[in-house]
C-alpha cells in the first residue's frame, strides 16, 4: 500500500515538472516570435530606403541621404538607436559642406624679430629693376605687400614725389622693399610723377599721393619720403605713431645731426587723422624749400608734437646728385612760413586741384602721373 502511494506521488511530480517545462517552452516561443516580428516589421519599413540608395547612384549628389541601422541584436528597435544619439548612429547627423574657417592671424609684434639693425648702404654697384624684382618675389603688382603670418596694426601708403629720378628709384626700391618686409608692414608704394617741366612742387605732389592712394585702398597711415634718402637702420619702423613722426633726423649731409629743432624734411609720417587735422600740406610752395617748415608749423599750431626715433636709429644716407632743373630755391618761402597760421585752413588738402593723367601699376610700385599746374606770377618789385 505504501509503495503504491509513493509511486502515484512520483508520477504526479513528474507530470508537474513536465507541465512546467512545457509552459516554459511556450513562453520562450512567444517571446521569440514577438521579437522576430518587430525586427521583420522594421526591416520592411526601411527596405525602400535601402533599395533606393543602392539603385540611385546620384542620390548623394542631389542632397538625399540614406541611413543604415544595425538591428541584428536582440531586443533592438529604431527608437533605442535614436536614443543613443551620435555614439550609435553618427550617420544621422547632418553633413556640412562648409570648410572650417582659418584661424585669425595674431597681431604683428611691435619689434619684429627679423630686424637686422644697422645696414651697409652703398650706391656704387649697378642696379636694375630686374634685379630688384628678383630680390622681392613676394611683392605683388603695384608694389603691395602684406605679412603672411601676422596682422599689422597700420595699413601704410608710402608716397614719393618724383620727376626724372629713375636711377635713384632703383636704389630706393632695392633697399626699402626688404626693410619694409622685415618690419612686417602692410604697405603700398606710390610714385607721384609731376609731368612737364614747370617748377617742382613737392608738398602738392604729396597731397596728390594721399588722395590717389585712398582710391586704391583704405590706408590709415602715410609715409612721405624723398626718393634719394635711404634709412641706415631697419629698426626705424615705417608706421604711424601717436604723434606725427619725423624719421630722417640724422642725414649724412648734415653730419648725422638734426640741422635745427623745427626740421621736418626728408621722410615723415602722419596717420590719416593727423593729416586731416592739419588740412594736409600746403599747395603754394613752388620750388625748393620751405614746405617742410610749414608742415611743422601746422603740426604745432594744431596742438600736436613731432616724435622722432633715437638719433642712432634715425640715420640716413642720401644719394648724391645735382640740384634738379626747375626746382630752384623758393625766394618767397620765408615769408610764407611766417604766415602758416593764416593760410593753413584755406591752403591744403581741402583746396587741392590737379589733373590725373595716368595710373600704371608696375611689379614694384604704382606710378601716378599728374599735371599740377604752374606757380602764380611773382609780384613785380618796386
Protein backbone atom coordinates (compact mmCIF):
# COMPACT_ATOMS: atom_id res chain seq x y z
CA UNK A 1 0.00 0.00 0.00
CA UNK A 2 2.75 2.33 0.93
CA UNK A 3 4.63 1.60 -2.28
CA UNK A 4 1.55 2.24 -4.35
CA UNK A 5 1.03 5.69 -2.80
CA UNK A 6 4.68 6.54 -3.27
CA UNK A 7 4.53 5.62 -6.97
CA UNK A 8 1.49 7.83 -7.53
CA UNK A 9 3.17 10.74 -5.83
CA UNK A 10 6.25 10.43 -8.02
CA UNK A 11 4.07 10.22 -11.09
CA UNK A 12 2.30 13.44 -10.15
CA UNK A 13 5.62 15.18 -9.54
CA UNK A 14 6.95 14.09 -12.94
CA UNK A 15 3.77 15.31 -14.66
CA UNK A 16 4.10 18.69 -12.87
CA UNK A 17 7.72 19.06 -13.90
CA UNK A 18 6.78 18.12 -17.44
CA UNK A 19 3.96 20.70 -17.46
CA UNK A 20 6.34 23.37 -16.15
CA UNK A 21 8.86 22.55 -18.87
CA UNK A 22 6.12 22.73 -21.49
CA UNK A 23 4.90 26.07 -20.12
CA UNK A 24 8.44 27.42 -20.14
CA UNK A 25 8.88 26.28 -23.71
CA UNK A 26 5.68 28.01 -24.80
CA UNK A 27 6.68 31.28 -23.12
CA UNK A 28 10.09 31.20 -24.83
CA UNK A 29 8.48 30.63 -28.22
CA UNK A 30 6.06 33.53 -27.71
CA UNK A 31 8.89 35.89 -26.77
CA UNK A 32 10.98 34.73 -29.67
CA UNK A 33 8.26 35.32 -32.27
CA UNK A 34 7.41 38.67 -30.72
CA UNK A 35 10.99 39.92 -31.16
CA UNK A 36 11.22 38.43 -34.62
CA UNK A 37 8.02 40.17 -35.72
CA UNK A 38 9.41 43.55 -34.54
CA UNK A 39 12.61 43.01 -36.45
CA UNK A 40 10.75 41.93 -39.55
CA UNK A 41 8.46 44.95 -39.36
CA UNK A 42 11.36 47.41 -39.09
CA UNK A 43 13.22 45.81 -42.00
CA UNK A 44 10.14 46.06 -44.18
CA UNK A 45 9.67 49.75 -43.32
CA UNK A 46 13.17 50.76 -44.29
CA UNK A 47 13.58 48.37 -47.18
CA UNK A 48 12.58 51.00 -49.76
CA UNK A 49 15.14 53.43 -48.42
CA UNK A 50 17.92 50.88 -48.66
CA UNK A 51 16.98 49.86 -52.17
CA UNK A 52 16.76 53.49 -53.27
CA UNK A 53 20.26 54.28 -52.02
CA UNK A 54 21.67 51.27 -53.81
CA UNK A 55 19.91 51.87 -57.11
CA UNK A 56 20.21 55.66 -57.26
CA UNK A 57 23.90 56.44 -57.66
CA UNK A 58 23.33 60.20 -57.85
CA UNK A 59 21.35 60.29 -54.63
CA UNK A 60 24.25 61.66 -52.55
CA UNK A 61 24.95 64.41 -55.06
CA UNK A 62 21.30 65.52 -55.12
CA UNK A 63 21.17 66.09 -51.37
CA UNK A 64 19.27 62.85 -50.36
CA UNK A 65 20.92 60.82 -47.59
CA UNK A 66 20.07 57.17 -46.73
CA UNK A 67 20.97 55.68 -43.38
CA UNK A 68 21.55 52.04 -42.35
CA UNK A 69 20.84 50.59 -38.94
CA UNK A 70 22.32 47.53 -37.31
CA UNK A 71 19.16 45.80 -35.93
CA UNK A 72 20.64 42.31 -35.74
CA UNK A 73 20.98 42.45 -31.98
CA UNK A 74 18.04 41.06 -29.97
CA UNK A 75 15.53 43.48 -28.48
CA UNK A 76 16.82 46.35 -30.61
CA UNK A 77 14.45 48.90 -32.14
CA UNK A 78 14.87 52.14 -34.08
CA UNK A 79 13.82 54.12 -31.03
CA UNK A 80 16.65 52.66 -28.99
CA UNK A 81 19.13 53.66 -31.68
CA UNK A 82 17.83 57.20 -31.85
CA UNK A 83 18.01 57.45 -28.08
CA UNK A 84 21.73 56.68 -28.09
CA UNK A 85 22.49 59.72 -30.35
CA UNK A 86 25.84 60.18 -32.04
CA UNK A 87 27.56 57.22 -30.41
CA UNK A 88 25.49 54.59 -32.22
CA UNK A 89 24.14 56.49 -35.26
CA UNK A 90 26.74 59.04 -36.41
CA UNK A 91 25.33 59.00 -39.93
CA UNK A 92 22.10 60.56 -38.67
CA UNK A 93 23.90 63.89 -38.11
CA UNK A 94 23.57 66.37 -41.00
CA UNK A 95 26.63 66.73 -43.15
CA UNK A 96 28.16 70.19 -43.59
CA UNK A 97 29.76 71.38 -46.82
CA UNK A 98 31.39 74.38 -45.14
CA UNK A 99 35.14 74.31 -44.84
CA UNK A 100 36.49 75.22 -41.40
CA UNK A 101 37.31 78.93 -41.19
CA UNK A 102 41.04 79.73 -40.89
CA UNK A 103 42.33 80.84 -37.53
CA UNK A 104 42.73 84.62 -37.20
CA UNK A 105 46.30 85.83 -37.51
CA UNK A 106 47.98 87.17 -34.36
CA UNK A 107 48.94 90.86 -34.24
CA UNK A 108 52.37 91.63 -35.62
CA UNK A 109 54.95 92.18 -32.87
CA UNK A 110 55.91 95.75 -32.04
CA UNK A 111 59.55 94.78 -32.51
CA UNK A 112 59.69 92.24 -35.35
CA UNK A 113 62.25 89.50 -34.62
CA UNK A 114 63.72 89.51 -38.14
CA UNK A 115 65.19 93.02 -37.99
CA UNK A 116 68.91 93.34 -38.72
CA UNK A 117 69.72 96.72 -37.19
CA UNK A 118 72.49 98.84 -38.72
CA UNK A 119 72.74 98.41 -42.51
CA UNK A 120 75.53 98.94 -45.01
CA UNK A 121 74.20 101.35 -47.66
CA UNK A 122 76.19 101.94 -50.83
CA UNK A 123 75.38 103.21 -54.32
CA UNK A 124 78.43 102.10 -56.30
CA UNK A 125 77.08 98.77 -57.61
CA UNK A 126 74.99 98.66 -60.77
CA UNK A 127 71.26 98.43 -60.06
CA UNK A 128 68.46 97.31 -62.38
CA UNK A 129 64.73 96.87 -61.92
CA UNK A 130 65.06 93.22 -62.95
CA UNK A 131 67.45 92.59 -60.09
CA UNK A 132 65.20 94.34 -57.57
CA UNK A 133 62.20 92.37 -58.78
CA UNK A 134 64.03 89.05 -58.33
CA UNK A 135 65.04 90.11 -54.82
CA UNK A 136 61.39 90.72 -53.85
CA UNK A 137 59.24 87.90 -55.26
CA UNK A 138 56.59 88.32 -52.55
CA UNK A 139 55.84 91.93 -53.51
CA UNK A 140 52.70 91.99 -55.67
CA UNK A 141 51.72 94.23 -58.56
CA UNK A 142 51.70 97.91 -57.72
CA UNK A 143 54.33 97.49 -55.01
CA UNK A 144 51.94 95.94 -52.48
CA UNK A 145 52.90 93.62 -49.64
CA UNK A 146 51.16 92.12 -46.62
CA UNK A 147 52.81 89.91 -43.98
CA UNK A 148 51.55 86.31 -44.34
CA UNK A 149 51.97 85.35 -40.68
CA UNK A 150 50.61 88.29 -38.64
CA UNK A 151 48.15 91.18 -38.69
CA UNK A 152 49.75 94.66 -38.85
CA UNK A 153 48.20 97.48 -36.89
CA UNK A 154 48.59 100.01 -39.74
CA UNK A 155 47.92 99.93 -43.46
CA UNK A 156 50.67 102.14 -44.87
CA UNK A 157 50.91 104.10 -48.13
CA UNK A 158 54.49 105.16 -48.91
CA UNK A 159 54.35 108.27 -51.12
CA UNK A 160 57.30 109.62 -53.11
CA UNK A 161 57.23 112.95 -55.03
CA UNK A 162 59.06 112.34 -58.28
CA UNK A 163 60.42 113.71 -61.52
CA UNK A 164 63.39 112.45 -63.58
CA UNK A 165 64.90 110.31 -60.79
CA UNK A 166 64.73 106.83 -62.34
CA UNK A 167 68.22 105.83 -61.19
CA UNK A 168 67.55 106.91 -57.61
CA UNK A 169 64.28 104.98 -57.62
CA UNK A 170 66.08 101.71 -58.38
CA UNK A 171 68.27 102.05 -55.29
CA UNK A 172 65.36 103.17 -53.13
CA UNK A 173 63.30 100.11 -54.10
CA UNK A 174 66.34 97.84 -53.71
CA UNK A 175 66.79 98.85 -50.08
CA UNK A 176 63.29 99.75 -48.90
CA UNK A 177 61.29 96.72 -50.03
CA UNK A 178 63.36 94.28 -47.92
CA UNK A 179 63.34 96.69 -44.97
CA UNK A 180 59.57 97.12 -45.04
CA UNK A 181 59.00 93.37 -45.35
CA UNK A 182 61.22 92.69 -42.34
CA UNK A 183 59.28 95.32 -40.43
CA UNK A 184 56.05 93.36 -41.03
CA UNK A 185 54.39 96.34 -42.71
CA UNK A 186 51.21 96.09 -44.80
CA UNK A 187 52.15 98.66 -47.44
CA UNK A 188 51.92 100.00 -50.98
CA UNK A 189 54.47 102.16 -52.87
CA UNK A 190 53.18 105.20 -54.82
CA UNK A 191 55.40 107.28 -57.11
CA UNK A 192 53.74 110.66 -57.79
CA UNK A 193 55.25 111.86 -61.04
CA UNK A 194 54.95 115.55 -61.93
CA UNK A 195 54.61 115.84 -65.70
CA UNK A 196 56.06 118.72 -67.69
CA UNK A 197 58.99 120.97 -66.92
CA UNK A 198 57.35 123.63 -64.80
CA UNK A 199 58.52 124.43 -61.29
CA UNK A 200 58.53 121.42 -59.00
CA UNK A 201 56.06 121.37 -56.09
CA UNK A 202 56.92 118.67 -53.55
CA UNK A 203 54.16 119.30 -51.00
CA UNK A 204 51.39 119.44 -53.59
CA UNK A 205 52.56 116.12 -55.03
CA UNK A 206 52.34 114.63 -51.53
CA UNK A 207 48.74 115.83 -51.27
CA UNK A 208 48.04 114.17 -54.63
CA UNK A 209 49.63 110.96 -53.37
CA UNK A 210 47.45 110.96 -50.26
CA UNK A 211 44.31 111.44 -52.38
CA UNK A 212 45.15 108.85 -55.02
CA UNK A 213 46.36 106.19 -52.57
CA UNK A 214 43.00 106.29 -50.76
CA UNK A 215 41.32 105.47 -54.08
CA UNK A 216 43.40 102.29 -54.16
CA UNK A 217 42.97 101.01 -50.58
CA UNK A 218 41.76 102.04 -47.13
CA UNK A 219 45.10 103.31 -45.85
CA UNK A 220 45.24 104.79 -42.37
CA UNK A 221 48.95 105.72 -42.30
CA UNK A 222 51.01 107.73 -44.80
CA UNK A 223 54.80 107.86 -45.07
CA UNK A 224 56.15 110.72 -47.21
CA UNK A 225 59.69 110.11 -48.45
CA UNK A 226 62.16 111.71 -50.82
CA UNK A 227 63.46 109.23 -53.36
CA UNK A 228 67.14 109.92 -52.56
CA UNK A 229 67.02 109.05 -48.84
CA UNK A 230 67.79 105.53 -47.61
CA UNK A 231 67.47 104.53 -43.92
CA UNK A 232 70.62 103.02 -42.43
CA UNK A 233 68.83 101.02 -39.73
CA UNK A 234 65.74 98.83 -40.20
CA UNK A 235 64.70 99.43 -36.58
CA UNK A 236 63.46 102.83 -37.81
CA UNK A 237 59.92 101.45 -38.21
CA UNK A 238 57.87 102.89 -41.07
CA UNK A 239 54.44 103.08 -39.48
CA UNK A 240 52.43 105.77 -37.70
CA UNK A 241 52.61 106.83 -34.08
CA UNK A 242 50.52 108.72 -31.54
CA UNK A 243 52.12 111.94 -32.80
CA UNK A 244 53.31 112.93 -36.30
CA UNK A 245 56.63 111.21 -36.96
CA UNK A 246 59.86 112.59 -38.38
CA UNK A 247 62.06 109.68 -39.46
CA UNK A 248 65.05 111.27 -41.20
CA UNK A 249 66.58 113.06 -38.22
CA UNK A 250 70.26 112.31 -38.89
CA UNK A 251 71.30 112.58 -42.55
CA UNK A 252 74.87 112.16 -43.68
CA UNK A 253 74.77 115.54 -45.46
CA UNK A 254 74.12 117.19 -42.06
CA UNK A 255 76.83 115.20 -40.28
CA UNK A 256 74.21 112.78 -38.89
CA UNK A 257 72.67 115.52 -36.78
CA UNK A 258 69.33 117.29 -36.75
CA UNK A 259 70.02 120.63 -38.51
CA UNK A 260 67.54 122.58 -36.33
CA UNK A 261 64.75 121.79 -33.86
CA UNK A 262 61.89 122.52 -36.26
CA UNK A 263 63.24 120.44 -39.14
CA UNK A 264 60.62 118.07 -40.63
CA UNK A 265 62.10 117.30 -44.05
CA UNK A 266 63.19 114.18 -45.90
CA UNK A 267 60.98 111.41 -44.53
CA UNK A 268 57.91 111.91 -42.33
CA UNK A 269 54.74 110.08 -41.40
CA UNK A 270 51.21 111.01 -40.37
CA UNK A 271 48.11 109.00 -39.70
CA UNK A 272 45.00 109.84 -41.71
CA UNK A 273 43.51 111.57 -38.68
CA UNK A 274 46.65 113.66 -38.12
CA UNK A 275 46.89 114.56 -41.81
CA UNK A 276 43.31 115.82 -41.96
CA UNK A 277 43.71 117.71 -38.70
CA UNK A 278 46.38 119.95 -40.29
CA UNK A 279 44.49 120.18 -43.63
CA UNK A 280 47.24 118.22 -45.33
CA UNK A 281 50.24 120.01 -46.79
CA UNK A 282 50.48 123.46 -48.41
CA UNK A 283 49.98 123.65 -52.19
CA UNK A 284 51.68 127.01 -52.77
CA UNK A 285 55.35 126.21 -52.16
CA UNK A 286 56.76 126.16 -55.69
CA UNK A 287 60.46 125.32 -55.92
CA UNK A 288 62.87 124.06 -53.29
CA UNK A 289 62.46 124.65 -49.59
CA UNK A 290 60.01 125.89 -47.01
CA UNK A 291 57.19 123.37 -47.26
CA UNK A 292 58.56 121.09 -44.53
CA UNK A 293 58.81 124.03 -42.10
CA UNK A 294 55.23 124.99 -42.95
CA UNK A 295 54.15 121.41 -42.17
CA UNK A 296 55.99 121.57 -38.83
CA UNK A 297 54.13 124.80 -38.02
CA UNK A 298 50.80 123.19 -38.88
CA UNK A 299 51.51 120.32 -36.51
CA UNK A 300 52.43 122.52 -33.56
CA UNK A 301 49.64 125.04 -34.21
CA UNK A 302 47.13 122.18 -34.01
CA UNK A 303 48.33 121.08 -30.59
CA UNK A 304 50.46 118.13 -31.68
CA UNK A 305 54.13 117.37 -31.20
CA UNK A 306 56.67 115.80 -33.55
CA UNK A 307 58.00 112.41 -32.44
CA UNK A 308 61.39 111.14 -33.54
CA UNK A 309 63.44 107.93 -33.25
CA UNK A 310 66.70 107.70 -31.38
CA UNK A 311 69.44 109.53 -33.25
CA UNK A 312 71.41 106.28 -33.57
CA UNK A 313 68.47 104.66 -35.38
CA UNK A 314 67.23 107.61 -37.45
CA UNK A 315 70.35 107.80 -39.63
CA UNK A 316 70.00 108.23 -43.42
CA UNK A 317 72.28 108.20 -46.41
CA UNK A 318 71.48 110.49 -49.31
CA UNK A 319 72.21 109.65 -52.95
CA UNK A 320 74.42 112.48 -54.15
CA UNK A 321 73.08 114.45 -57.10
CA UNK A 322 72.98 117.90 -58.64
CA UNK A 323 70.02 120.14 -57.91
CA UNK A 324 67.17 119.46 -60.31
CA UNK A 325 66.31 121.93 -63.00
CA UNK A 326 63.12 123.90 -62.33
CA UNK A 327 63.49 123.25 -58.61
CA UNK A 328 65.38 126.37 -57.66
CA UNK A 329 65.10 127.75 -54.11
CA UNK A 330 61.80 129.47 -53.48
CA UNK A 331 62.52 133.12 -52.64
CA UNK A 332 59.08 133.51 -51.02
CA UNK A 333 59.47 130.59 -48.63
CA UNK A 334 60.50 132.60 -45.54
CA UNK A 335 57.54 134.96 -45.84
CA UNK A 336 55.14 132.04 -46.33
CA UNK A 337 56.47 130.16 -43.32
CA UNK A 338 55.69 133.13 -41.09
CA UNK A 339 52.06 133.12 -42.24
CA UNK A 340 51.21 129.45 -41.75
CA UNK A 341 48.61 130.25 -39.10
CA UNK A 342 46.68 132.41 -41.57
CA UNK A 343 46.99 130.15 -44.61
CA UNK A 344 46.74 126.57 -43.34
CA UNK A 345 42.94 126.45 -43.17
CA UNK A 346 42.44 127.58 -46.75
CA UNK A 347 45.57 126.13 -48.39
CA UNK A 348 45.88 122.36 -48.14
CA UNK A 349 44.14 119.10 -48.97
CA UNK A 350 40.79 120.93 -48.96
CA UNK A 351 41.91 123.22 -51.82
CA UNK A 352 43.87 120.66 -53.86
CA UNK A 353 43.40 120.72 -57.66
CA UNK A 354 45.23 118.65 -60.26
CA UNK A 355 44.65 116.58 -63.38
CA UNK A 356 45.21 112.84 -63.24
CA UNK A 357 46.87 111.71 -66.47
CA UNK A 358 47.82 108.05 -65.87
CA UNK A 359 47.91 105.36 -63.21
CA UNK A 360 50.20 102.45 -64.09
CA UNK A 361 50.99 99.51 -61.84
CA UNK A 362 54.47 98.07 -62.10
CA UNK A 363 55.71 94.97 -60.23
CA UNK A 364 57.44 97.07 -57.55
CA UNK A 365 55.39 100.29 -57.37
CA UNK A 366 52.39 102.22 -58.66
CA UNK A 367 53.22 105.19 -60.88
CA UNK A 368 50.74 108.08 -60.83
CA UNK A 369 51.41 110.80 -63.41
CA UNK A 370 49.71 114.16 -62.86
CA UNK A 371 49.64 117.75 -64.02
CA UNK A 372 49.57 120.14 -61.06
CA UNK A 373 49.66 123.50 -62.82
CA UNK A 374 52.10 126.37 -62.67
CA UNK A 375 53.16 128.78 -59.94
CA UNK A 376 51.40 132.16 -59.95
CA UNK A 377 53.37 135.03 -61.44
CA UNK A 378 55.65 136.69 -58.93
CA UNK A 379 54.81 140.24 -57.97
CA UNK A 380 56.94 142.88 -59.67
CA UNK A 381 59.26 144.61 -57.27
CA UNK A 382 59.15 148.34 -56.96
